[in-house]
Amino acid sequence: MRVTDPSIRRRPGLVRKLKADTKGRSGLLMLLALGLVILIGPSLSGVDPLLQDLRARLAPPLGSEAAIPAHLLGTDQLGRDVLARILLGGQFSLFIGLSASFVAAILGVGAGLAAGFFGRRWDSMIMAVADVQLTFPSILLALAVLAVLGPGLGNLIGVLALSSWVFQARIIRAEVLTLKHRDFVEAGRAIGLSDSYLLFRYILPNVLGSLLVLFTLTVVRAILAEASLSFLGLGIQPPTPSWGGMLAEGRQYLATGWWVSTFPGLALTFTIVAINLVGDSLRDALDPRIPQESG
C-alpha cells in the first residue's frame, strides 16, 4: 500500500479550496475553452492556414469596412487566414510546451530524487551539472544548441526540456532532503524496506504536489521560449504557423495590418494567463503555510 506523509494526505480543505478558488476555476475554464477551440476549430472552419490569396492580402478583421466575411480575423501579408493560422499555431505551441515539460519533469524528478535521497557522489555530480548549466541563460543555451543542430520539432522539444529540468531538480531535491528524515521514512528503514521501495512508495508520492505546480510553470516557460525562438527564426519554420513566427511576420505591418501580429499576441497572452491562474491556485492549495479558508 502506498504511504504518503500524513500531514499532506490529510490536510483539511484541500479539495474544497481547489473548487472554491475563483482564479483557479477561471483559469481552468479558460484552458478548457482554449483547448476546445484549438483542437476542433481548424476542422470546423474549413480554411487552409497555408493557402495564399494575394488578392485578399491584408484584409482587415470582420467589422471593418474592407473586411472579407470568410476571414473573421482578417488575412496576413500573403492573404492567409489569420484565425486558421492562430489555431494551427496553438496546436504546435501546446504540443511543444506539454512535450518539453513532460521530458523535463522526467529528467528533473529523476535527478532530484537521486540527488536528495542517495546524496554523496550522486548529489555532488548532479548538482555540479545543474550549476554549470545555470551559468548559461536558458535562451542563449537554446539558441546555441539549435544553431548547431538546426531547427526542427524534435530538436526544439529537446532543447526546451534541457533548459527546464534544472530548476525542477533543485526543488525536488530540497523536498527529498526534508522528507527522507521524516518519521514515516525512518519507520520504513527500521523494518528493513529497500531504498528503491522507500524512494518510490514513500518519497515520490509526497513530492507529486510540488511536481504538479512545477509542471504548470514549465509549460509556461516552454511556450514562451518556443514563441521567442520562432520569433528569432530558430523555432517552427515557415510556412508552418507559430505564434512567435506570426508576431515576427506582422511586426513590419503594424501600421497597415495591426491584426497580423495583435491576435497571435493576444492568443499567447490568453494561454499564459490561463496556465498561470491554474498554477497559482494549485500552489496555494498545496502550500501548508497558507491557511485554508472555511466554507
C-alpha atoms as a PDB file:
ATOM      1  CA  MET A   1       0.000   0.000   0.000  1.00  0.00           C
ATOM      2  CA  ARG A   2       1.301   3.438  -0.932  1.00  0.00           C
ATOM      3  CA  VAL A   3       2.253   5.537   2.065  1.00  0.00           C
ATOM      4  CA  THR A   4       2.229   9.322   1.967  1.00  0.00           C
ATOM      5  CA  ASP A   5       3.113  11.910   4.531  1.00  0.00           C
ATOM      6  CA  PRO A   6       0.047  12.099   6.809  1.00  0.00           C
ATOM      7  CA  SER A   7       0.368  15.875   7.170  1.00  0.00           C
ATOM      8  CA  ILE A   8      -0.057  16.224   3.404  1.00  0.00           C
ATOM      9  CA  ARG A   9      -2.534  13.461   2.760  1.00  0.00           C
ATOM     10  CA  ARG A  10      -4.934  14.536   5.491  1.00  0.00           C
ATOM     11  CA  ARG A  11      -4.806  18.272   5.055  1.00  0.00           C
ATOM     12  CA  PRO A  12      -8.340  19.545   5.529  1.00  0.00           C
ATOM     13  CA  GLY A  13     -10.000  21.676   2.902  1.00  0.00           C
ATOM     14  CA  LEU A  14      -7.635  20.911   0.006  1.00  0.00           C
ATOM     15  CA  VAL A  15     -10.261  19.731  -2.465  1.00  0.00           C
ATOM     16  CA  ARG A  16     -12.727  22.312  -1.166  1.00  0.00           C
ATOM     17  CA  LYS A  17     -10.241  25.118  -1.738  1.00  0.00           C
ATOM     18  CA  LEU A  18      -9.462  23.937  -5.256  1.00  0.00           C
ATOM     19  CA  LYS A  19     -13.156  24.009  -6.087  1.00  0.00           C
ATOM     20  CA  ALA A  20     -13.800  27.347  -4.407  1.00  0.00           C
ATOM     21  CA  ASP A  21     -10.749  29.247  -5.675  1.00  0.00           C
ATOM     22  CA  THR A  22     -12.017  31.791  -8.199  1.00  0.00           C
ATOM     23  CA  LYS A  23      -8.754  32.237 -10.081  1.00  0.00           C
ATOM     24  CA  GLY A  24      -8.182  28.510 -10.330  1.00  0.00           C
ATOM     25  CA  ARG A  25     -11.680  27.898 -11.599  1.00  0.00           C
ATOM     26  CA  SER A  26     -11.377  30.787 -14.054  1.00  0.00           C
ATOM     27  CA  GLY A  27      -8.038  29.521 -15.331  1.00  0.00           C
ATOM     28  CA  LEU A  28      -9.368  26.007 -15.773  1.00  0.00           C
ATOM     29  CA  LEU A  29     -12.380  27.254 -17.724  1.00  0.00           C
ATOM     30  CA  MET A  30     -10.082  29.377 -19.889  1.00  0.00           C
ATOM     31  CA  LEU A  31      -7.859  26.376 -20.581  1.00  0.00           C
ATOM     32  CA  LEU A  32     -10.807  24.143 -21.431  1.00  0.00           C
ATOM     33  CA  ALA A  33     -12.215  26.756 -23.800  1.00  0.00           C
ATOM     34  CA  LEU A  34      -8.787  27.265 -25.380  1.00  0.00           C
ATOM     35  CA  GLY A  35      -8.255  23.533 -25.800  1.00  0.00           C
ATOM     36  CA  LEU A  36     -11.628  23.001 -27.428  1.00  0.00           C
ATOM     37  CA  VAL A  37     -11.177  25.922 -29.817  1.00  0.00           C
ATOM     38  CA  ILE A  38      -7.654  24.891 -30.812  1.00  0.00           C
ATOM     39  CA  LEU A  39      -8.457  21.198 -31.207  1.00  0.00           C
ATOM     40  CA  ILE A  40     -11.767  21.339 -33.058  1.00  0.00           C
ATOM     41  CA  GLY A  41     -11.586  24.850 -34.507  1.00  0.00           C
ATOM     42  CA  PRO A  42      -9.493  24.012 -37.599  1.00  0.00           C
ATOM     43  CA  SER A  43     -11.815  21.189 -38.656  1.00  0.00           C
ATOM     44  CA  LEU A  44     -14.896  23.379 -38.221  1.00  0.00           C
ATOM     45  CA  SER A  45     -13.506  26.427 -40.023  1.00  0.00           C
ATOM     46  CA  GLY A  46     -12.578  24.516 -43.161  1.00  0.00           C
ATOM     47  CA  VAL A  47      -9.945  27.147 -44.065  1.00  0.00           C
ATOM     48  CA  ASP A  48      -6.443  26.063 -45.080  1.00  0.00           C
ATOM     49  CA  PRO A  49      -3.996  28.060 -42.922  1.00  0.00           C
ATOM     50  CA  LEU A  50      -1.295  27.664 -45.588  1.00  0.00           C
ATOM     51  CA  LEU A  51      -3.421  28.761 -48.554  1.00  0.00           C
ATOM     52  CA  GLN A  52      -2.202  32.024 -50.069  1.00  0.00           C
ATOM     53  CA  ASP A  53      -4.507  34.505 -51.800  1.00  0.00           C
ATOM     54  CA  LEU A  54      -2.704  37.704 -52.740  1.00  0.00           C
ATOM     55  CA  ARG A  55      -5.990  39.244 -53.883  1.00  0.00           C
ATOM     56  CA  ALA A  56      -7.124  39.168 -50.232  1.00  0.00           C
ATOM     57  CA  ARG A  57      -3.796  40.436 -48.894  1.00  0.00           C
ATOM     58  CA  LEU A  58      -4.012  42.284 -45.530  1.00  0.00           C
ATOM     59  CA  ALA A  59      -7.811  42.134 -45.414  1.00  0.00           C
ATOM     60  CA  PRO A  60      -8.955  43.626 -42.058  1.00  0.00           C
ATOM     61  CA  PRO A  61     -10.958  41.722 -39.430  1.00  0.00           C
ATOM     62  CA  LEU A  62     -14.711  41.347 -39.692  1.00  0.00           C
ATOM     63  CA  GLY A  63     -16.461  44.601 -38.784  1.00  0.00           C
ATOM     64  CA  SER A  64     -14.121  46.804 -40.753  1.00  0.00           C
ATOM     65  CA  GLU A  65     -15.204  48.458 -43.965  1.00  0.00           C
ATOM     66  CA  ALA A  66     -12.977  46.387 -46.272  1.00  0.00           C
ATOM     67  CA  ALA A  67     -13.397  43.119 -44.368  1.00  0.00           C
ATOM     68  CA  ILE A  68     -13.948  39.804 -46.148  1.00  0.00           C
ATOM     69  CA  PRO A  69     -16.688  37.722 -44.457  1.00  0.00           C
ATOM     70  CA  ALA A  70     -14.768  34.465 -44.955  1.00  0.00           C
ATOM     71  CA  HIS A  71     -11.836  35.774 -42.878  1.00  0.00           C
ATOM     72  CA  LEU A  72     -13.080  36.535 -39.376  1.00  0.00           C
ATOM     73  CA  LEU A  73      -9.773  37.933 -38.070  1.00  0.00           C
ATOM     74  CA  GLY A  74      -8.507  39.147 -41.422  1.00  0.00           C
ATOM     75  CA  THR A  75      -5.575  37.940 -43.521  1.00  0.00           C
ATOM     76  CA  ASP A  76      -1.819  38.395 -43.425  1.00  0.00           C
ATOM     77  CA  GLN A  77       0.620  39.816 -45.960  1.00  0.00           C
ATOM     78  CA  LEU A  78       0.224  36.729 -48.176  1.00  0.00           C
ATOM     79  CA  GLY A  79      -3.540  36.538 -47.931  1.00  0.00           C
ATOM     80  CA  ARG A  80      -3.555  33.636 -45.461  1.00  0.00           C
ATOM     81  CA  ASP A  81      -6.356  33.447 -42.906  1.00  0.00           C
ATOM     82  CA  VAL A  82      -5.128  34.763 -39.557  1.00  0.00           C
ATOM     83  CA  LEU A  83      -7.624  32.798 -37.443  1.00  0.00           C
ATOM     84  CA  ALA A  84      -6.774  29.489 -39.117  1.00  0.00           C
ATOM     85  CA  ARG A  85      -3.071  30.139 -38.588  1.00  0.00           C
ATOM     86  CA  ILE A  86      -3.601  31.057 -34.937  1.00  0.00           C
ATOM     87  CA  LEU A  87      -5.487  27.810 -34.320  1.00  0.00           C
ATOM     88  CA  LEU A  88      -2.862  25.646 -36.022  1.00  0.00           C
ATOM     89  CA  GLY A  89      -0.060  27.565 -34.323  1.00  0.00           C
ATOM     90  CA  GLY A  90      -1.783  26.989 -30.997  1.00  0.00           C
ATOM     91  CA  GLN A  91      -1.739  23.242 -31.578  1.00  0.00           C
ATOM     92  CA  PHE A  92       2.016  23.340 -32.112  1.00  0.00           C
ATOM     93  CA  SER A  93       2.587  25.616 -29.118  1.00  0.00           C
ATOM     94  CA  LEU A  94       0.607  23.429 -26.730  1.00  0.00           C
ATOM     95  CA  PHE A  95       2.150  20.222 -28.078  1.00  0.00           C
ATOM     96  CA  ILE A  96       5.674  21.574 -27.759  1.00  0.00           C
ATOM     97  CA  GLY A  97       5.003  23.070 -24.319  1.00  0.00           C
ATOM     98  CA  LEU A  98       3.456  19.887 -22.914  1.00  0.00           C
ATOM     99  CA  SER A  99       6.013  17.555 -24.527  1.00  0.00           C
ATOM    100  CA  ALA A 100       9.016  19.586 -23.385  1.00  0.00           C
ATOM    101  CA  SER A 101       7.569  19.885 -19.863  1.00  0.00           C
ATOM    102  CA  PHE A 102       6.922  16.131 -19.678  1.00  0.00           C
ATOM    103  CA  VAL A 103      10.503  15.318 -20.692  1.00  0.00           C
ATOM    104  CA  ALA A 104      11.846  17.973 -18.305  1.00  0.00           C
ATOM    105  CA  ALA A 105       9.739  16.524 -15.481  1.00  0.00           C
ATOM    106  CA  ILE A 106      11.159  13.051 -16.047  1.00  0.00           C
ATOM    107  CA  LEU A 107      14.729  14.361 -16.066  1.00  0.00           C
ATOM    108  CA  GLY A 108      14.227  16.819 -13.216  1.00  0.00           C
ATOM    109  CA  VAL A 109      12.353  14.486 -10.883  1.00  0.00           C
ATOM    110  CA  GLY A 110      14.766  11.617 -11.531  1.00  0.00           C
ATOM    111  CA  ALA A 111      17.778  13.827 -10.876  1.00  0.00           C
ATOM    112  CA  GLY A 112      16.189  15.477  -7.827  1.00  0.00           C
ATOM    113  CA  LEU A 113      15.187  12.162  -6.256  1.00  0.00           C
ATOM    114  CA  ALA A 114      18.636  10.652  -6.799  1.00  0.00           C
ATOM    115  CA  ALA A 115      20.497  13.730  -5.535  1.00  0.00           C
ATOM    116  CA  GLY A 116      18.321  14.221  -2.473  1.00  0.00           C
ATOM    117  CA  PHE A 117      17.844  10.611  -1.407  1.00  0.00           C
ATOM    118  CA  PHE A 118      21.220   8.990  -2.135  1.00  0.00           C
ATOM    119  CA  GLY A 119      23.355  12.105  -1.528  1.00  0.00           C
ATOM    120  CA  ARG A 120      27.136  11.985  -1.552  1.00  0.00           C
ATOM    121  CA  ARG A 121      28.559  11.366  -5.041  1.00  0.00           C
ATOM    122  CA  TRP A 122      25.113  11.428  -6.722  1.00  0.00           C
ATOM    123  CA  ASP A 123      24.291  14.750  -5.135  1.00  0.00           C
ATOM    124  CA  SER A 124      27.671  16.284  -5.951  1.00  0.00           C
ATOM    125  CA  MET A 125      27.642  15.096  -9.562  1.00  0.00           C
ATOM    126  CA  ILE A 126      24.050  16.082 -10.375  1.00  0.00           C
ATOM    127  CA  MET A 127      24.231  19.456  -8.672  1.00  0.00           C
ATOM    128  CA  ALA A 128      27.555  20.208 -10.366  1.00  0.00           C
ATOM    129  CA  VAL A 129      25.945  19.626 -13.759  1.00  0.00           C
ATOM    130  CA  ALA A 130      22.982  21.762 -12.717  1.00  0.00           C
ATOM    131  CA  ASP A 131      25.220  24.596 -11.507  1.00  0.00           C
ATOM    132  CA  VAL A 132      27.204  24.589 -14.753  1.00  0.00           C
ATOM    133  CA  GLN A 133      24.019  24.761 -16.811  1.00  0.00           C
ATOM    134  CA  LEU A 134      22.648  27.586 -14.657  1.00  0.00           C
ATOM    135  CA  THR A 135      25.622  29.736 -15.612  1.00  0.00           C
ATOM    136  CA  PHE A 136      24.211  29.935 -19.148  1.00  0.00           C
ATOM    137  CA  PRO A 137      20.957  31.847 -19.732  1.00  0.00           C
ATOM    138  CA  SER A 138      18.381  29.367 -20.983  1.00  0.00           C
ATOM    139  CA  ILE A 139      17.529  31.322 -24.132  1.00  0.00           C
ATOM    140  CA  LEU A 140      21.232  31.589 -25.092  1.00  0.00           C
ATOM    141  CA  LEU A 141      21.680  27.858 -24.463  1.00  0.00           C
ATOM    142  CA  ALA A 142      18.676  27.137 -26.684  1.00  0.00           C
ATOM    143  CA  LEU A 143      19.994  29.440 -29.410  1.00  0.00           C
ATOM    144  CA  ALA A 144      23.414  27.787 -29.329  1.00  0.00           C
ATOM    145  CA  VAL A 145      22.064  24.235 -29.475  1.00  0.00           C
ATOM    146  CA  LEU A 146      19.564  24.988 -32.245  1.00  0.00           C
ATOM    147  CA  ALA A 147      22.206  26.852 -34.225  1.00  0.00           C
ATOM    148  CA  VAL A 148      24.319  23.680 -34.190  1.00  0.00           C
ATOM    149  CA  LEU A 149      21.596  21.046 -34.591  1.00  0.00           C
ATOM    150  CA  GLY A 150      19.308  23.128 -36.777  1.00  0.00           C
ATOM    151  CA  PRO A 151      15.646  23.983 -36.258  1.00  0.00           C
ATOM    152  CA  GLY A 152      13.145  21.158 -36.064  1.00  0.00           C
ATOM    153  CA  LEU A 153      10.294  19.954 -33.897  1.00  0.00           C
ATOM    154  CA  GLY A 154      12.295  17.247 -32.141  1.00  0.00           C
ATOM    155  CA  ASN A 155      15.304  19.486 -31.592  1.00  0.00           C
ATOM    156  CA  LEU A 156      13.056  22.246 -30.275  1.00  0.00           C
ATOM    157  CA  ILE A 157      11.366  19.969 -27.732  1.00  0.00           C
ATOM    158  CA  GLY A 158      14.720  18.555 -26.659  1.00  0.00           C
ATOM    159  CA  VAL A 159      16.400  21.916 -26.127  1.00  0.00           C
ATOM    160  CA  LEU A 160      13.407  23.292 -24.196  1.00  0.00           C
ATOM    161  CA  ALA A 161      13.403  20.232 -21.944  1.00  0.00           C
ATOM    162  CA  LEU A 162      17.159  20.561 -21.467  1.00  0.00           C
ATOM    163  CA  SER A 163      16.793  24.170 -20.350  1.00  0.00           C
ATOM    164  CA  SER A 164      13.953  23.409 -17.899  1.00  0.00           C
ATOM    165  CA  TRP A 165      14.975  20.347 -15.903  1.00  0.00           C
ATOM    166  CA  VAL A 166      17.459  22.114 -13.610  1.00  0.00           C
ATOM    167  CA  PHE A 167      15.060  24.190 -11.512  1.00  0.00           C
ATOM    168  CA  GLN A 168      12.752  21.182 -11.135  1.00  0.00           C
ATOM    169  CA  ALA A 169      15.642  19.001  -9.963  1.00  0.00           C
ATOM    170  CA  ARG A 170      16.774  21.562  -7.374  1.00  0.00           C
ATOM    171  CA  ILE A 171      13.294  21.989  -5.880  1.00  0.00           C
ATOM    172  CA  ILE A 172      12.579  18.243  -5.779  1.00  0.00           C
ATOM    173  CA  ARG A 173      15.998  17.635  -4.213  1.00  0.00           C
ATOM    174  CA  ALA A 174      15.263  20.147  -1.448  1.00  0.00           C
ATOM    175  CA  GLU A 175      11.965  18.426  -0.634  1.00  0.00           C
ATOM    176  CA  VAL A 176      13.530  14.961  -0.646  1.00  0.00           C
ATOM    177  CA  LEU A 177      16.255  16.108   1.750  1.00  0.00           C
ATOM    178  CA  THR A 178      13.498  17.017   4.208  1.00  0.00           C
ATOM    179  CA  LEU A 179      11.237  14.032   3.598  1.00  0.00           C
ATOM    180  CA  LYS A 180      13.875  11.322   3.916  1.00  0.00           C
ATOM    181  CA  HIS A 181      14.321  12.160   7.606  1.00  0.00           C
ATOM    182  CA  ARG A 182      10.605  12.116   8.430  1.00  0.00           C
ATOM    183  CA  ASP A 183       9.296   9.530  10.881  1.00  0.00           C
ATOM    184  CA  PHE A 184       7.352   7.515   8.308  1.00  0.00           C
ATOM    185  CA  VAL A 185      10.515   7.026   6.213  1.00  0.00           C
ATOM    186  CA  GLU A 186      12.625   6.173   9.247  1.00  0.00           C
ATOM    187  CA  ALA A 187       9.988   3.622  10.248  1.00  0.00           C
ATOM    188  CA  GLY A 188      10.262   2.039   6.805  1.00  0.00           C
ATOM    189  CA  ARG A 189      14.026   1.775   7.194  1.00  0.00           C
ATOM    190  CA  ALA A 190      13.595   0.253  10.647  1.00  0.00           C
ATOM    191  CA  ILE A 191      11.535  -2.638   9.284  1.00  0.00           C
ATOM    192  CA  GLY A 192      14.088  -3.323   6.528  1.00  0.00           C
ATOM    193  CA  LEU A 193      12.466  -1.784   3.450  1.00  0.00           C
ATOM    194  CA  SER A 194      14.802  -1.275   0.487  1.00  0.00           C
ATOM    195  CA  ASP A 195      15.924   2.128  -0.712  1.00  0.00           C
ATOM    196  CA  SER A 196      14.050   1.745  -4.002  1.00  0.00           C
ATOM    197  CA  TYR A 197      10.828   0.890  -2.143  1.00  0.00           C
ATOM    198  CA  LEU A 198      11.237   3.854   0.190  1.00  0.00           C
ATOM    199  CA  LEU A 199      12.009   6.149  -2.718  1.00  0.00           C
ATOM    200  CA  PHE A 200       9.118   5.239  -4.999  1.00  0.00           C
ATOM    201  CA  ARG A 201       6.455   4.332  -2.445  1.00  0.00           C
ATOM    202  CA  TYR A 202       7.179   6.755   0.377  1.00  0.00           C
ATOM    203  CA  ILE A 203       9.101   9.750  -1.033  1.00  0.00           C
ATOM    204  CA  LEU A 204       7.745  10.125  -4.556  1.00  0.00           C
ATOM    205  CA  PRO A 205       4.026  10.362  -3.608  1.00  0.00           C
ATOM    206  CA  ASN A 206       4.835  13.275  -1.319  1.00  0.00           C
ATOM    207  CA  VAL A 207       6.530  15.382  -3.999  1.00  0.00           C
ATOM    208  CA  LEU A 208       3.776  14.929  -6.588  1.00  0.00           C
ATOM    209  CA  GLY A 209       2.002  18.087  -5.421  1.00  0.00           C
ATOM    210  CA  SER A 210       5.105  20.202  -5.969  1.00  0.00           C
ATOM    211  CA  LEU A 211       5.728  18.415  -9.264  1.00  0.00           C
ATOM    212  CA  LEU A 212       2.258  19.355 -10.488  1.00  0.00           C
ATOM    213  CA  VAL A 213       2.877  23.033  -9.735  1.00  0.00           C
ATOM    214  CA  LEU A 214       6.334  22.880 -11.317  1.00  0.00           C
ATOM    215  CA  PHE A 215       4.832  21.268 -14.408  1.00  0.00           C
ATOM    216  CA  THR A 216       2.470  24.186 -14.980  1.00  0.00           C
ATOM    217  CA  LEU A 217       5.356  26.643 -14.590  1.00  0.00           C
ATOM    218  CA  THR A 218       7.456  24.643 -17.038  1.00  0.00           C
ATOM    219  CA  VAL A 219       4.661  24.629 -19.616  1.00  0.00           C
ATOM    220  CA  VAL A 220       4.532  28.430 -19.431  1.00  0.00           C
ATOM    221  CA  ARG A 221       8.321  28.691 -19.783  1.00  0.00           C
ATOM    222  CA  ALA A 222       8.345  26.286 -22.725  1.00  0.00           C
ATOM    223  CA  ILE A 223       5.539  28.050 -24.606  1.00  0.00           C
ATOM    224  CA  LEU A 224       7.199  31.441 -24.128  1.00  0.00           C
ATOM    225  CA  ALA A 225      10.601  30.052 -25.120  1.00  0.00           C
ATOM    226  CA  GLU A 226       9.143  28.434 -28.239  1.00  0.00           C
ATOM    227  CA  ALA A 227       7.493  31.714 -29.216  1.00  0.00           C
ATOM    228  CA  SER A 228      10.781  33.570 -28.648  1.00  0.00           C
ATOM    229  CA  LEU A 229      12.785  31.090 -30.708  1.00  0.00           C
ATOM    230  CA  SER A 230      10.204  31.127 -33.501  1.00  0.00           C
ATOM    231  CA  PHE A 231      10.265  34.930 -33.423  1.00  0.00           C
ATOM    232  CA  LEU A 232      14.044  34.768 -33.942  1.00  0.00           C
ATOM    233  CA  GLY A 233      13.688  32.213 -36.751  1.00  0.00           C
ATOM    234  CA  LEU A 234      15.050  29.155 -34.903  1.00  0.00           C
ATOM    235  CA  GLY A 235      11.759  27.617 -33.828  1.00  0.00           C
ATOM    236  CA  ILE A 236       8.955  26.321 -36.030  1.00  0.00           C
ATOM    237  CA  GLN A 237       9.872  27.080 -39.613  1.00  0.00           C
ATOM    238  CA  PRO A 238       7.623  28.750 -42.224  1.00  0.00           C
ATOM    239  CA  PRO A 239       5.225  28.138 -43.785  1.00  0.00           C
ATOM    240  CA  THR A 240       4.074  26.226 -40.689  1.00  0.00           C
ATOM    241  CA  PRO A 241       2.416  28.816 -38.429  1.00  0.00           C
ATOM    242  CA  SER A 242       3.505  29.547 -34.882  1.00  0.00           C
ATOM    243  CA  TRP A 243       2.508  32.377 -32.593  1.00  0.00           C
ATOM    244  CA  GLY A 244       6.076  33.653 -32.310  1.00  0.00           C
ATOM    245  CA  GLY A 245       6.584  33.425 -36.051  1.00  0.00           C
ATOM    246  CA  MET A 246       3.345  35.299 -36.724  1.00  0.00           C
ATOM    247  CA  LEU A 247       4.476  38.060 -34.368  1.00  0.00           C
ATOM    248  CA  ALA A 248       7.741  38.330 -36.298  1.00  0.00           C
ATOM    249  CA  GLU A 249       5.973  38.387 -39.671  1.00  0.00           C
ATOM    250  CA  GLY A 250       3.455  41.022 -38.623  1.00  0.00           C
ATOM    251  CA  ARG A 251       5.791  43.487 -36.900  1.00  0.00           C
ATOM    252  CA  GLN A 252       6.525  45.315 -40.171  1.00  0.00           C
ATOM    253  CA  TYR A 253       2.808  45.676 -40.919  1.00  0.00           C
ATOM    254  CA  LEU A 254       1.719  47.232 -37.623  1.00  0.00           C
ATOM    255  CA  ALA A 255       0.679  50.458 -39.348  1.00  0.00           C
ATOM    256  CA  THR A 256      -1.290  48.846 -42.179  1.00  0.00           C
ATOM    257  CA  GLY A 257      -2.182  45.418 -40.770  1.00  0.00           C
ATOM    258  CA  TRP A 258      -2.089  45.544 -36.972  1.00  0.00           C
ATOM    259  CA  TRP A 259      -4.212  42.384 -36.735  1.00  0.00           C
ATOM    260  CA  VAL A 260      -1.483  40.180 -38.229  1.00  0.00           C
ATOM    261  CA  SER A 261       0.566  40.252 -35.019  1.00  0.00           C
ATOM    262  CA  THR A 262      -2.003  41.530 -32.499  1.00  0.00           C
ATOM    263  CA  PHE A 263      -4.269  38.482 -32.495  1.00  0.00           C
ATOM    264  CA  PRO A 264      -1.438  35.918 -32.161  1.00  0.00           C
ATOM    265  CA  GLY A 265      -0.061  38.035 -29.313  1.00  0.00           C
ATOM    266  CA  LEU A 266      -3.455  38.021 -27.601  1.00  0.00           C
ATOM    267  CA  ALA A 267      -3.731  34.240 -28.040  1.00  0.00           C
ATOM    268  CA  LEU A 268      -0.293  33.787 -26.459  1.00  0.00           C
ATOM    269  CA  THR A 269      -1.199  36.117 -23.582  1.00  0.00           C
ATOM    270  CA  PHE A 270      -4.529  34.359 -23.001  1.00  0.00           C
ATOM    271  CA  THR A 271      -2.805  30.965 -22.835  1.00  0.00           C
ATOM    272  CA  ILE A 272      -0.082  32.101 -20.438  1.00  0.00           C
ATOM    273  CA  VAL A 273      -2.579  33.827 -18.131  1.00  0.00           C
ATOM    274  CA  ALA A 274      -4.830  30.750 -18.031  1.00  0.00           C
ATOM    275  CA  ILE A 275      -1.976  28.374 -17.183  1.00  0.00           C
ATOM    276  CA  ASN A 276      -0.599  30.770 -14.555  1.00  0.00           C
ATOM    277  CA  LEU A 277      -4.001  31.050 -12.885  1.00  0.00           C
ATOM    278  CA  VAL A 278      -4.249  27.277 -12.591  1.00  0.00           C
ATOM    279  CA  GLY A 279      -0.658  27.038 -11.362  1.00  0.00           C
ATOM    280  CA  ASP A 280      -1.160  29.744  -8.727  1.00  0.00           C
ATOM    281  CA  SER A 281      -4.307  28.033  -7.494  1.00  0.00           C
ATOM    282  CA  LEU A 282      -2.525  24.687  -7.194  1.00  0.00           C
ATOM    283  CA  ARG A 283       0.390  26.320  -5.383  1.00  0.00           C
ATOM    284  CA  ASP A 284      -1.913  27.997  -2.866  1.00  0.00           C
ATOM    285  CA  ALA A 285      -3.928  24.831  -2.309  1.00  0.00           C
ATOM    286  CA  LEU A 286      -0.863  22.629  -1.810  1.00  0.00           C
ATOM    287  CA  ASP A 287       1.157  25.037   0.356  1.00  0.00           C
ATOM    288  CA  PRO A 288       0.751  24.042   4.027  1.00  0.00           C
ATOM    289  CA  ARG A 289       1.849  27.515   5.138  1.00  0.00           C
ATOM    290  CA  ILE A 290      -1.235  29.140   3.569  1.00  0.00           C
ATOM    291  CA  PRO A 291      -4.267  28.891   5.889  1.00  0.00           C
ATOM    292  CA  GLN A 292      -7.295  27.107   4.474  1.00  0.00           C
ATOM    293  CA  GLU A 293     -10.489  29.084   4.250  1.00  0.00           C
ATOM    294  CA  SER A 294     -13.600  27.555   5.692  1.00  0.00           C
ATOM    295  CA  GLY A 295     -16.877  27.417   3.872  1.00  0.00           C
END
